[in-house]
Each structure stands twice: as C-alpha cells, then as structure tokens.
Amino acid sequence: MHEHLDALEQRMQQLQQAMRRAQLARDNGQVKQLRDDLRRAQRAWDALFEQAEDTEETAAREETSRGTPAHSTPAEPATPLPAREQVHQVLTLLAVPAAPKLISTVHEAFFAGALAPSRLTSLRRDEERSYRSAPGARPYYLCPALTSDLLSPARGLLTVSTWPLEQRIVGPLSARVHFLTSALNIADAAERLDTDTLPLAARQLLTRYAQNIPGAQPPMQQRTTVGPPIDLPLLRRAAQDELTLHTDTDTTTRTEAAQRARRQLDDAGLLFGGSFQSARRLRSVP
C-alpha cells in the first residue's frame, strides 16, 4: 500500500510542476484541467492513507487482544494481494497500458506468486461498475486504454486511473512506443536485482524484448549454447534509440486526442471511454 501512496505523491508533484508551466504559458484551460486532476489525485491519496491507517489500527488491536507483543509474534505467510492490487503493481512498473498476458508474465518475473490472465477477464467491468455506483470511492481504478480516434475502450489494454489522460490513450504508433518503454522499465527493474541470479521468468522476458529490438543483443560470437547473455545497458540503449524516432509523433497524437476527450467526455467517459454507439460522433467532432 505504501508504494501506491508514493506513486500518488509523485503524480501530485508532476501535476503541480505542470500547473506552473501552464501558468507561465498563460494557458488557463490547461491550468484548470490540471487543477482538477490534482484534486482527484489528492482525494485518492486521502482515501488510501485512511485505508492504511485503518489497517494498521486493526493489526494493533489484534495484537493487543491476543496479549502478545508484536515483536515476539512468529512471522506468518503473507496473504496474497487481491488481483486488482497485483495488476496495479505490474502497471506501475511498466508505466504503459498493457494486455493481461503481459501483466501476468511481468508479475511472474518480478513479483511473488502467479497471476493468471483469466483472472483479469472481468476485472475492468467490475471496476467500471464500482466507479459508477460510487465515483471516487477507491484511490484508483483499473481502466481500459482509450483509442485516439474513437475515444472508446481499447480492447484488452489496462491502465490506471491516476495516470495522466495522455498516458492512457493509444494511437497508431503507441503499441511500439509502449513496447520500447516497457522494455526500458523492465530493464530498470532487473538492474535493481542481482542480474546473476535473476529468476528464469525475468531472464526469458528480457530475452524476448531483446530479440524484438534491433541492436539489443550482443554479437553472435558472444552467445553461448544456453542463449545470449543479458546485456541490460545494450538493451536500454537500443530501446531508447528507437523510441526517439517515434516519441514525438505518438505524443502529438495522444495529446490532441486527450484535448478532444476532455471537451467531449464526462468524468466516467474519461476513465472508461465513450460508448461504441457514440464513437463515430466523437471522432467527427473537433
């Protein structure tokens, strides 16, 4: 839970910095939108902080009722996190929209326990029902990515509601941009571990990324019978070099779509997309 608080605090800091830039640019419309985003992030932080306090108080009461000091209680096996919390962990690591299969693979590589893609089938619908019944009651929601042309839910891609709208939109180049961005973030995650003892799932994941990015693998003569060595700096450089080619165009597409979405969608639509029935109308309205 503390990592979610950290993520929200980082998000609020980014929004505050963006507000200052928009104010200097005299962009009042952007300042207003960023202020609304900041207020939503603050409400999410407050709700999560209260939840953390309640959890700690409950644990303390349980220790007191047993009459056993907390420091002398034998450690118990950790209770598995709910599926939505596990998905949130993975999406926070990737920082881009992701499909259930990738979420499951990354979870196996970097987090404890398995997360079957089938568990995520109904998760998005459950999140939308929860939001519509009590908007803002949760510190975050798992939402679909939104397509840049129709502003409708992108099939099979999950995001986090606390991300900037631009980050939750996908355009024609976004699939490749997200692949390269996730490669960079996964390489960073692997670097924080001992690369000599990386779990097999993490090594396999990094290898698949390297195989699909030009220049991300060592020369053939450096490879062994068990496969190519994992060269994280080489993978990172190759991913960053290609990412530079696509970022500006993709960012422009997503930014323009986000501006259109803010004019045309309500709060629920900004999270879960416009209906397919109105998709053609939304695309045609400037």
Protein backbone atom coordinates (compact mmCIF):
# COMPACT_ATOMS: atom_id res chain seq x y z
CA MET A 1 0.00 0.00 0.00
CA HIS A 2 2.87 2.38 0.73
CA GLU A 3 4.13 2.08 -2.84
CA HIS A 4 0.69 3.27 -4.04
CA LEU A 5 0.94 6.30 -1.76
CA ASP A 6 4.41 7.01 -3.17
CA ALA A 7 3.07 6.79 -6.72
CA LEU A 8 0.23 9.20 -5.94
CA GLU A 9 2.62 11.65 -4.27
CA GLN A 10 4.87 11.55 -7.31
CA ARG A 11 1.83 12.11 -9.54
CA MET A 12 0.72 15.14 -7.49
CA GLN A 13 4.22 16.60 -7.72
CA GLN A 14 4.18 16.16 -11.51
CA LEU A 15 0.80 17.86 -11.73
CA GLN A 16 1.99 20.80 -9.62
CA GLN A 17 5.01 21.25 -11.88
CA ALA A 18 2.81 21.04 -14.97
CA MET A 19 0.47 23.67 -13.49
CA ARG A 20 3.37 26.07 -13.02
CA ARG A 21 4.43 25.57 -16.63
CA ALA A 22 0.88 26.10 -17.89
CA GLN A 23 0.52 29.24 -15.77
CA LEU A 24 3.73 30.66 -17.19
CA ALA A 25 2.40 29.91 -20.67
CA ARG A 26 -0.89 31.68 -19.76
CA ASP A 27 -2.83 28.54 -20.70
CA ASN A 28 -5.79 28.96 -18.36
CA GLY A 29 -7.69 25.99 -19.76
CA GLN A 30 -4.77 23.66 -19.10
CA VAL A 31 -4.31 25.10 -15.61
CA LYS A 32 -7.96 24.37 -14.80
CA GLN A 33 -7.73 20.79 -16.09
CA LEU A 34 -4.50 20.12 -14.20
CA ARG A 35 -6.02 21.56 -11.02
CA ASP A 36 -8.97 19.18 -11.37
CA ASP A 37 -6.56 16.26 -11.90
CA LEU A 38 -4.60 17.35 -8.82
CA ARG A 39 -7.75 17.45 -6.70
CA ARG A 40 -8.71 13.94 -7.83
CA ALA A 41 -5.22 12.65 -7.04
CA GLN A 42 -5.38 14.31 -3.61
CA ARG A 43 -8.73 12.66 -2.88
CA ALA A 44 -7.31 9.30 -3.93
CA TRP A 45 -4.29 9.86 -1.65
CA ASP A 46 -6.54 10.78 1.28
CA ALA A 47 -8.67 7.68 0.80
CA LEU A 48 -5.66 5.38 0.55
CA PHE A 49 -3.98 7.00 3.56
CA GLU A 50 -7.10 6.48 5.67
CA GLN A 51 -7.25 2.87 4.50
CA ALA A 52 -3.61 2.36 5.55
CA GLU A 53 -4.32 3.87 8.98
CA ASP A 54 -7.33 1.59 9.46
CA THR A 55 -5.27 -1.45 8.52
CA GLU A 56 -2.52 -0.58 10.99
CA GLU A 57 -5.01 0.12 13.78
CA THR A 58 -6.78 -3.19 13.16
CA ALA A 59 -3.47 -5.06 13.31
CA ALA A 60 -2.55 -3.31 16.55
CA ARG A 61 -5.90 -4.18 18.14
CA GLU A 62 -5.49 -7.81 17.15
CA GLU A 63 -2.04 -7.91 18.75
CA THR A 64 -3.40 -6.36 21.94
CA SER A 65 -6.36 -8.75 22.13
CA ARG A 66 -4.01 -11.71 21.92
CA GLY A 67 -1.84 -10.21 24.65
CA THR A 68 1.29 -10.97 22.64
CA PRO A 69 3.89 -8.29 21.84
CA ALA A 70 4.15 -7.65 18.11
CA HIS A 71 7.90 -8.25 18.09
CA SER A 72 7.56 -11.73 19.59
CA THR A 73 4.84 -12.97 17.23
CA PRO A 74 6.17 -15.50 14.70
CA ALA A 75 6.02 -14.29 11.14
CA GLU A 76 3.06 -15.63 9.19
CA PRO A 77 2.96 -16.28 5.46
CA ALA A 78 1.99 -13.14 3.56
CA THR A 79 -1.62 -13.07 2.39
CA PRO A 80 -1.79 -12.87 -1.43
CA LEU A 81 -2.87 -9.47 -2.68
CA PRO A 82 -6.21 -9.18 -4.49
CA ALA A 83 -5.91 -9.45 -8.28
CA ARG A 84 -6.51 -5.72 -8.79
CA GLU A 85 -3.64 -4.87 -6.42
CA GLN A 86 -1.35 -7.27 -8.26
CA VAL A 87 -2.32 -5.72 -11.59
CA HIS A 88 -1.69 -2.26 -10.16
CA GLN A 89 1.81 -3.32 -9.09
CA VAL A 90 2.65 -4.50 -12.59
CA LEU A 91 1.16 -1.47 -14.36
CA THR A 92 3.08 0.83 -12.01
CA LEU A 93 6.28 -0.95 -13.02
CA LEU A 94 5.50 -0.85 -16.75
CA ALA A 95 4.00 2.69 -16.75
CA VAL A 96 2.20 1.96 -20.05
CA PRO A 97 -1.10 0.28 -21.00
CA ALA A 98 -0.69 -3.49 -21.01
CA ALA A 99 -2.57 -6.64 -22.01
CA PRO A 100 -3.44 -9.35 -19.47
CA LYS A 101 -0.84 -11.78 -20.86
CA LEU A 102 1.99 -9.27 -20.43
CA ILE A 103 0.72 -8.32 -16.97
CA SER A 104 0.75 -11.99 -15.97
CA THR A 105 4.25 -12.53 -17.40
CA VAL A 106 5.73 -9.48 -15.67
CA HIS A 107 4.08 -10.43 -12.39
CA GLU A 108 5.63 -13.88 -12.54
CA ALA A 109 9.03 -12.37 -13.35
CA PHE A 110 9.20 -9.70 -10.66
CA PHE A 111 6.55 -10.38 -8.03
CA ALA A 112 5.70 -13.32 -5.81
CA GLY A 113 3.09 -15.79 -6.98
CA ALA A 114 1.28 -16.39 -10.23
CA LEU A 115 -1.39 -14.15 -11.76
CA ALA A 116 -3.45 -15.99 -14.35
CA PRO A 117 -4.68 -13.82 -17.27
CA SER A 118 -8.11 -15.43 -16.89
CA ARG A 119 -8.47 -13.68 -13.52
CA LEU A 120 -8.41 -10.33 -15.34
CA THR A 121 -11.25 -11.10 -17.76
CA SER A 122 -13.99 -9.42 -15.77
CA LEU A 123 -11.80 -7.05 -13.78
CA ARG A 124 -12.34 -4.00 -16.00
CA ARG A 125 -16.13 -4.42 -15.95
CA ASP A 126 -16.08 -4.78 -12.17
CA GLU A 127 -14.02 -1.60 -11.87
CA GLU A 128 -16.42 0.37 -14.05
CA ARG A 129 -19.44 -0.85 -12.10
CA SER A 130 -17.73 0.14 -8.86
CA TYR A 131 -16.94 3.62 -10.18
CA ARG A 132 -20.43 4.27 -11.49
CA SER A 133 -22.03 3.14 -8.24
CA ALA A 134 -19.71 5.26 -6.07
CA PRO A 135 -17.46 7.59 -8.10
CA GLY A 136 -14.12 8.30 -6.47
CA ALA A 137 -14.64 5.89 -3.58
CA ARG A 138 -11.46 3.99 -4.45
CA PRO A 139 -7.97 5.50 -4.53
CA TYR A 140 -7.55 4.25 -8.08
CA TYR A 141 -9.41 2.27 -10.74
CA LEU A 142 -8.16 -0.11 -13.39
CA CYS A 143 -9.42 1.29 -16.68
CA PRO A 144 -9.15 0.41 -20.35
CA ALA A 145 -6.84 2.41 -22.55
CA LEU A 146 -8.75 4.77 -24.87
CA THR A 147 -8.30 4.80 -28.63
CA SER A 148 -7.10 8.11 -30.04
CA ASP A 149 -9.60 8.14 -32.92
CA LEU A 150 -12.85 6.97 -31.33
CA LEU A 151 -12.14 7.69 -27.65
CA SER A 152 -13.59 4.23 -26.99
CA PRO A 153 -12.12 1.43 -24.85
CA ALA A 154 -9.11 -0.25 -26.48
CA ARG A 155 -9.66 -3.99 -26.44
CA GLY A 156 -7.52 -5.86 -23.93
CA LEU A 157 -5.38 -2.97 -22.63
CA LEU A 158 -5.48 -1.95 -18.96
CA THR A 159 -4.31 1.32 -17.40
CA VAL A 160 -4.55 3.07 -14.02
CA SER A 161 -7.00 5.91 -13.48
CA THR A 162 -4.43 8.09 -11.69
CA TRP A 163 -2.23 8.25 -14.81
CA PRO A 164 -2.48 11.40 -16.95
CA LEU A 165 -5.13 11.05 -19.65
CA GLU A 166 -2.46 11.33 -22.35
CA GLN A 167 -0.75 8.27 -20.86
CA ARG A 168 -3.98 6.27 -21.05
CA ILE A 169 -4.62 6.95 -24.75
CA VAL A 170 -3.27 4.76 -27.56
CA GLY A 171 -2.64 5.90 -31.13
CA PRO A 172 -1.30 4.21 -34.28
CA LEU A 173 2.31 4.24 -33.02
CA SER A 174 1.57 3.63 -29.35
CA ALA A 175 1.95 -0.17 -29.46
CA ARG A 176 5.60 0.14 -30.47
CA VAL A 177 6.24 3.09 -28.15
CA HIS A 178 4.74 1.15 -25.24
CA PHE A 179 6.78 -1.94 -26.11
CA LEU A 180 10.01 0.08 -26.06
CA THR A 181 9.03 1.99 -22.91
CA SER A 182 8.17 -1.20 -21.06
CA ALA A 183 11.49 -2.68 -22.17
CA LEU A 184 13.29 0.25 -20.53
CA ASN A 185 11.27 -0.05 -17.32
CA ILE A 186 11.72 -3.81 -17.12
CA ALA A 187 15.46 -3.41 -17.66
CA ASP A 188 15.49 -0.89 -14.78
CA ALA A 189 13.60 -3.34 -12.57
CA ALA A 190 16.02 -6.14 -13.43
CA GLU A 191 19.00 -3.89 -12.73
CA ARG A 192 17.74 -3.31 -9.19
CA LEU A 193 18.04 -7.05 -8.66
CA ASP A 194 21.12 -9.27 -8.86
CA THR A 195 21.45 -9.90 -12.59
CA ASP A 196 23.41 -13.08 -11.93
CA THR A 197 20.51 -14.63 -10.03
CA LEU A 198 17.55 -13.23 -11.95
CA PRO A 199 14.54 -15.58 -11.92
CA LEU A 200 14.18 -17.62 -15.09
CA ALA A 201 10.91 -15.87 -15.93
CA ALA A 202 12.65 -12.47 -15.78
CA ARG A 203 15.53 -13.66 -17.98
CA GLN A 204 13.11 -15.08 -20.53
CA LEU A 205 11.11 -11.84 -20.57
CA LEU A 206 14.22 -9.73 -21.11
CA THR A 207 15.38 -12.07 -23.87
CA ARG A 208 12.07 -11.72 -25.71
CA TYR A 209 12.36 -7.94 -25.55
CA ALA A 210 15.94 -8.01 -26.80
CA GLN A 211 15.01 -10.32 -29.70
CA ASN A 212 12.42 -7.80 -30.90
CA ILE A 213 14.52 -4.64 -30.69
CA PRO A 214 17.21 -4.13 -33.35
CA GLY A 215 20.67 -3.89 -31.86
CA ALA A 216 19.60 -5.03 -28.39
CA GLN A 217 21.53 -8.33 -28.43
CA PRO A 218 25.30 -8.92 -28.27
CA PRO A 219 27.13 -10.08 -31.41
CA MET A 220 26.74 -13.74 -32.33
CA GLN A 221 30.25 -14.68 -31.19
CA GLN A 222 29.40 -13.66 -27.63
CA ARG A 223 26.41 -16.01 -27.38
CA THR A 224 26.53 -19.37 -25.67
CA THR A 225 24.71 -22.67 -26.01
CA VAL A 226 22.24 -21.61 -23.31
CA GLY A 227 21.29 -18.47 -25.17
CA PRO A 228 22.51 -14.88 -25.49
CA PRO A 229 23.75 -13.12 -22.36
CA ILE A 230 21.54 -10.40 -20.97
CA ASP A 231 23.21 -7.05 -21.61
CA LEU A 232 20.95 -4.53 -19.88
CA PRO A 233 22.88 -1.39 -20.95
CA LEU A 234 22.80 -2.59 -24.58
CA LEU A 235 19.07 -3.33 -24.37
CA ARG A 236 18.41 0.06 -22.83
CA ARG A 237 20.42 1.94 -25.47
CA ALA A 238 18.76 0.12 -28.36
CA ALA A 239 15.28 0.69 -26.96
CA GLN A 240 15.97 4.37 -26.28
CA ASP A 241 17.42 4.93 -29.77
CA GLU A 242 14.32 3.53 -31.48
CA LEU A 243 11.98 5.22 -29.02
CA THR A 244 13.43 8.59 -30.01
CA LEU A 245 12.22 8.02 -33.57
CA HIS A 246 8.57 7.55 -32.60
CA THR A 247 8.00 9.54 -29.42
CA ASP A 248 7.24 12.98 -30.85
CA THR A 249 4.64 11.78 -33.36
CA ASP A 250 2.98 9.46 -30.85
CA THR A 251 2.93 12.14 -28.15
CA THR A 252 1.31 14.65 -30.51
CA THR A 253 -1.41 12.17 -31.47
CA ARG A 254 -2.20 11.29 -27.87
CA THR A 255 -2.11 14.90 -26.68
CA GLU A 256 -4.57 16.02 -29.37
CA ALA A 257 -6.86 13.09 -28.55
CA ALA A 258 -6.72 13.94 -24.84
CA GLN A 259 -7.72 17.53 -25.50
CA ARG A 260 -10.67 16.32 -27.58
CA ALA A 261 -11.66 13.80 -24.91
CA ARG A 262 -11.74 16.47 -22.21
CA ARG A 263 -14.15 18.51 -24.30
CA GLN A 264 -16.44 15.62 -25.24
CA LEU A 265 -16.48 13.08 -22.38
CA ASP A 266 -17.76 13.20 -18.83
CA ASP A 267 -15.72 12.02 -15.85
CA ALA A 268 -16.73 8.39 -16.32
CA GLY A 269 -16.02 8.60 -20.04
CA LEU A 270 -12.54 9.96 -19.39
CA LEU A 271 -11.81 6.79 -17.41
CA PHE A 272 -13.76 4.11 -19.27
CA GLY A 273 -14.27 5.61 -22.70
CA GLY A 274 -17.24 6.74 -24.74
CA SER A 275 -19.86 4.25 -25.82
CA PHE A 276 -19.43 2.49 -29.13
CA GLN A 277 -22.75 3.96 -30.22
CA SER A 278 -21.35 7.49 -29.97
CA ALA A 279 -17.86 6.64 -31.23
CA ARG A 280 -18.47 7.87 -34.78
CA ARG A 281 -19.90 11.15 -33.48
CA LEU A 282 -16.96 11.68 -31.12
CA ARG A 283 -14.49 11.10 -33.92
CA SER A 284 -16.18 13.64 -36.16
CA VAL A 285 -16.47 16.45 -33.61
CA PRO A 286 -13.36 18.69 -33.50
